[in-house]
Structure formats: C-alpha cells, structure tokens
Amino acid sequence: MADYPPFMNAYGNITKILAKVKEAQTPDRFTQDFLGTKLGFSGGGATPFIPFAKRLGLLAPDGTPTELYKRFRNPPQSEAAMAQAIKKGYSTLYERNEFAHDLDKKGLTGLVMEATGLAKDHGTLKAIVNSFEALKKLADFDKPSATAVEIPPEKTAESGDGSGSLKEAEVGLNLSYTIYLNLPKTNDIAVFNAIFKSLKENFFKR
C-alpha cells in the first residue's frame, strides 16, 4: 500500500472530534474506548482518527498524547500547534511547496496528485484534500510556534561560601526547567542569534 499523506474517509468527523478533544480531559492513553465513550464517537467512520492523529504527531505510537496534543488544547497555542501538526503530517506536500496551506482547493488537489500519483477522480485523493482542508480551519500558520528550550540540570546543594552540609554535598539537588519561546516569524538569522545569545548569557550561566 502506498504511503499516502494522512486522511480520513469520514473527513467531516475531523473538526468535530478535535473540538471534543479540546473540551475533554487529556487521557493517559487515547484509545478507541476514550474516543467512543468520552468523546462520543463510536461509529466506524471515527475509528481511523487514532492512526490519523498519530501521523500528525498529536499522539505517540502507543496512543499517549504528545506535547503537541496538549498545546493544541491550550487556547492561546491551539492554532499554531495545529499548523505544526499539519506540516508534520503532510511533510511530503511541504517538500514540494512550503506554502501548501496557502493553495486554493484546485492548487492543493494538483499538489496531492503530484505527490501521490493518484488520479484526479480517486476517492483517496478527495479524502486527503478534504482532510487537509478540515485541519487547516483550525490552524494559523502566521502565529509563532512555541519552542521548548531545556535548561540543563544544575547542582545547587553547595553554597558559594562552602557552608553546605556534608549530606547536602553528597546528595545534591538537581533542578531543570522548560522554557517555551514564541519565536517571531522572520528569515533574519540575526534575530534568532540575538535570542539564543541572550538565553545563553542569562540562563545557562554556571
């Protein structure tokens, strides 16, 4: 079977399921039981949503919700997170046109035909295009994406004057932080250099 971009034949369910995802509590694992019982989508047309969401990066291979899933549920980050999910899931389209999301339906159909080799009247082609279009309604490609920066663990047990107890020195205390950066939309590398230089000077000092 060809490795086509993600799609659901019942693409009308996509926005409905994702709307319920935002309302429901994040599960430990996103299962068919969760989809049917908690979200209310037990029909066969909704069943492919789980593998569909995995290909978008919203779910891990074992069904665990990813950080992208959690950011999609966060209203201020939701549209940018979906834009990231689309670019991940439809990477074969973006390899051919980095602005695939700006194409009208005719242009998108042509791009999918080019990427897949499918005939214009093929049902799968229609499903891919309409699945992409459904997701696009929930995305904003102009919003900056939140980028996680991991601050490495730092030992804090030993005080500067050497007054820390022997027990503290032996055990130590490791702290780590995660900072989310909203990076501006720009092609000027100097802007990014300035941001990460500032991070290095202010957060990575020992």
Protein backbone atom coordinates (compact mmCIF):
# COMPACT_ATOMS: atom_id res chain seq x y z
CA MET A 1 0.00 0.00 0.00
CA ALA A 2 1.31 3.44 -0.91
CA ASP A 3 2.35 5.74 1.88
CA TYR A 4 -0.18 8.50 1.26
CA PRO A 5 -0.48 11.66 3.37
CA PRO A 6 -2.84 11.32 6.36
CA PHE A 7 -6.56 11.20 5.64
CA MET A 8 -9.91 10.07 6.97
CA ASN A 9 -12.62 8.97 4.58
CA ALA A 10 -15.17 10.42 7.01
CA TYR A 11 -13.31 13.75 6.98
CA GLY A 12 -16.41 15.54 8.29
CA ASN A 13 -15.63 14.00 11.68
CA ILE A 14 -12.19 15.60 11.96
CA THR A 15 -13.18 19.04 13.25
CA LYS A 16 -15.95 17.53 15.40
CA ILE A 17 -13.58 15.13 17.15
CA LEU A 18 -10.91 17.78 17.64
CA ALA A 19 -13.49 20.14 19.16
CA LYS A 20 -14.28 17.43 21.74
CA VAL A 21 -10.56 16.86 22.32
CA LYS A 22 -10.30 20.48 23.47
CA GLU A 23 -13.20 20.04 25.90
CA ALA A 24 -12.30 16.67 27.40
CA GLN A 25 -9.59 15.92 29.93
CA THR A 26 -6.31 14.69 28.46
CA PRO A 27 -6.24 10.89 28.85
CA ASP A 28 -3.22 8.82 29.83
CA ARG A 29 -3.73 6.99 26.54
CA PHE A 30 -6.05 7.90 23.69
CA THR A 31 -7.89 4.65 22.98
CA GLN A 32 -10.95 3.63 20.99
CA ASP A 33 -12.81 3.45 24.32
CA PHE A 34 -11.87 7.06 25.04
CA LEU A 35 -12.89 8.10 21.53
CA GLY A 36 -16.25 6.33 21.81
CA THR A 37 -17.18 6.73 25.48
CA LYS A 38 -15.65 10.05 26.47
CA LEU A 39 -15.78 11.91 23.17
CA GLY A 40 -18.94 10.27 21.82
CA PHE A 41 -17.57 8.97 18.51
CA SER A 42 -18.14 5.22 18.46
CA GLY A 43 -19.05 4.76 14.78
CA GLY A 44 -16.79 3.09 12.26
CA GLY A 45 -16.18 6.36 10.45
CA ALA A 46 -14.42 7.75 13.53
CA THR A 47 -12.23 4.70 14.17
CA PRO A 48 -9.38 5.85 11.85
CA PHE A 49 -8.95 9.04 13.89
CA ILE A 50 -6.34 7.47 16.18
CA PRO A 51 -3.85 6.44 13.45
CA PHE A 52 -4.64 9.75 11.74
CA ALA A 53 -3.73 11.69 14.92
CA LYS A 54 -0.55 9.64 15.33
CA ARG A 55 0.66 10.68 11.90
CA LEU A 56 0.02 14.31 12.79
CA GLY A 57 2.16 13.97 15.90
CA LEU A 58 -0.75 14.54 18.28
CA LEU A 59 -0.43 11.01 19.66
CA ALA A 60 2.65 8.86 20.26
CA PRO A 61 2.76 5.37 18.69
CA ASP A 62 1.33 3.86 21.90
CA GLY A 63 -1.55 6.36 21.96
CA THR A 64 -0.08 8.65 24.60
CA PRO A 65 -0.99 12.31 23.99
CA THR A 66 2.10 14.28 22.99
CA GLU A 67 3.15 17.80 23.97
CA LEU A 68 1.71 18.90 20.62
CA TYR A 69 -1.67 17.43 21.65
CA LYS A 70 -1.50 19.34 24.93
CA ARG A 71 -0.57 22.59 23.20
CA PHE A 72 -3.47 22.11 20.78
CA ARG A 73 -5.79 22.06 23.80
CA ASN A 74 -4.27 25.30 25.13
CA PRO A 75 -6.37 28.12 23.55
CA PRO A 76 -3.52 30.64 23.05
CA GLN A 77 -1.33 27.98 21.39
CA SER A 78 -4.00 25.86 19.69
CA GLU A 79 -3.90 27.27 16.16
CA ALA A 80 -0.10 27.40 16.00
CA ALA A 81 0.07 23.82 17.32
CA MET A 82 -2.30 22.63 14.61
CA ALA A 83 -0.22 24.39 11.96
CA GLN A 84 2.79 22.47 13.26
CA ALA A 85 0.82 19.20 13.20
CA ILE A 86 -0.22 19.80 9.58
CA LYS A 87 3.34 20.47 8.49
CA LYS A 88 4.49 17.30 10.23
CA GLY A 89 1.74 15.05 8.88
CA TYR A 90 1.83 16.43 5.34
CA SER A 91 5.59 16.81 5.04
CA THR A 92 5.56 15.23 1.56
CA LEU A 93 3.39 18.12 0.36
CA TYR A 94 5.56 20.72 2.05
CA GLU A 95 8.66 19.26 0.43
CA ARG A 96 7.11 20.31 -2.87
CA ASN A 97 5.59 23.60 -1.76
CA GLU A 98 6.46 25.19 1.59
CA PHE A 99 3.25 27.24 1.35
CA ALA A 100 0.91 24.32 0.67
CA HIS A 101 -1.57 25.74 3.18
CA ASP A 102 -1.96 28.89 1.05
CA LEU A 103 -3.10 26.98 -2.02
CA ASP A 104 -6.75 27.04 -3.03
CA LYS A 105 -8.53 23.70 -3.31
CA LYS A 106 -7.67 23.32 -7.00
CA GLY A 107 -4.00 24.01 -6.34
CA LEU A 108 -3.96 21.66 -3.35
CA THR A 109 -5.58 18.91 -5.40
CA GLY A 110 -2.88 19.27 -8.05
CA LEU A 111 -0.16 19.14 -5.41
CA VAL A 112 -1.60 15.96 -3.88
CA MET A 113 -1.86 14.41 -7.35
CA GLU A 114 1.81 15.24 -7.91
CA ALA A 115 2.88 13.80 -4.55
CA THR A 116 0.81 10.61 -4.67
CA GLY A 117 0.31 9.80 -8.34
CA LEU A 118 -3.41 9.34 -7.72
CA ALA A 119 -5.97 10.07 -10.42
CA LYS A 120 -7.99 13.27 -10.07
CA ASP A 121 -11.23 11.36 -9.51
CA HIS A 122 -9.78 8.86 -6.99
CA GLY A 123 -11.65 8.68 -3.69
CA THR A 124 -8.45 8.67 -1.66
CA LEU A 125 -7.28 11.87 -3.35
CA LYS A 126 -10.53 13.56 -2.36
CA ALA A 127 -10.18 12.30 1.22
CA ILE A 128 -6.60 13.60 1.52
CA VAL A 129 -7.52 17.04 0.20
CA ASN A 130 -10.61 17.38 2.38
CA SER A 131 -8.81 16.09 5.48
CA PHE A 132 -6.10 18.71 4.94
CA GLU A 133 -8.75 21.41 4.42
CA ALA A 134 -10.57 20.38 7.62
CA LEU A 135 -7.41 20.66 9.70
CA LYS A 136 -6.50 23.97 8.09
CA LYS A 137 -9.68 25.52 9.52
CA LEU A 138 -8.17 25.00 13.00
CA ALA A 139 -4.69 26.32 12.18
CA ASP A 140 -2.94 29.66 11.97
CA PHE A 141 0.33 29.48 10.05
CA ASP A 142 1.21 33.10 10.82
CA LYS A 143 1.30 32.66 14.59
CA PRO A 144 4.76 31.96 16.01
CA SER A 145 5.24 28.45 17.30
CA ALA A 146 6.18 27.89 20.91
CA THR A 147 9.62 26.28 21.03
CA ALA A 148 10.76 24.39 24.09
CA VAL A 149 14.24 25.13 25.41
CA GLU A 150 15.57 22.76 28.02
CA ILE A 151 17.70 24.33 30.75
CA PRO A 152 20.22 21.68 31.86
CA PRO A 153 20.18 20.40 35.47
CA GLU A 154 22.23 22.45 37.87
CA LYS A 155 23.62 21.42 41.23
CA THR A 156 22.50 23.81 43.94
CA ALA A 157 23.41 21.98 47.13
CA GLU A 158 26.83 23.58 47.55
CA SER A 159 26.66 27.22 48.60
CA GLY A 160 29.20 29.72 47.36
CA ASP A 161 30.84 30.01 50.78
CA GLY A 162 31.21 26.26 51.27
CA SER A 163 28.73 26.28 54.15
CA GLY A 164 26.53 23.50 52.72
CA SER A 165 26.27 20.43 54.93
CA LEU A 166 28.10 17.20 54.07
CA LYS A 167 24.77 15.48 53.49
CA GLU A 168 23.71 18.19 51.03
CA ALA A 169 27.02 17.95 49.18
CA GLU A 170 26.72 14.18 48.88
CA VAL A 171 23.11 14.10 47.72
CA GLY A 172 22.90 17.39 45.79
CA LEU A 173 19.80 18.88 44.28
CA ASN A 174 19.22 18.83 40.55
CA LEU A 175 16.80 21.30 39.02
CA SER A 176 15.69 21.57 35.42
CA TYR A 177 13.40 23.98 33.64
CA THR A 178 11.47 24.08 30.37
CA ILE A 179 11.01 27.46 28.73
CA TYR A 180 8.64 27.97 25.78
CA LEU A 181 9.70 30.66 23.34
CA ASN A 182 7.33 32.32 20.92
CA LEU A 183 9.73 32.87 18.05
CA PRO A 184 8.97 35.69 15.63
CA LYS A 185 8.22 34.87 12.00
CA THR A 186 11.35 36.12 10.26
CA ASN A 187 14.08 34.99 7.90
CA ASP A 188 16.64 37.25 9.57
CA ILE A 189 19.08 34.87 11.28
CA ALA A 190 20.42 37.77 13.37
CA VAL A 191 17.14 37.86 15.29
CA PHE A 192 17.47 34.22 16.32
CA ASN A 193 21.17 34.67 17.14
CA ALA A 194 20.27 37.53 19.47
CA ILE A 195 17.56 35.49 21.21
CA PHE A 196 19.75 32.47 21.87
CA LYS A 197 22.72 34.64 22.84
CA SER A 198 20.53 36.26 25.47
CA LEU A 199 19.40 32.82 26.69
CA LYS A 200 23.00 31.67 26.96
CA GLU A 201 24.05 34.76 28.89
CA ASN A 202 21.10 34.83 31.28
CA PHE A 203 20.03 31.22 31.79
CA PHE A 204 23.00 28.98 31.06
CA LYS A 205 25.47 30.70 33.38
CA ARG A 206 27.02 28.41 35.95
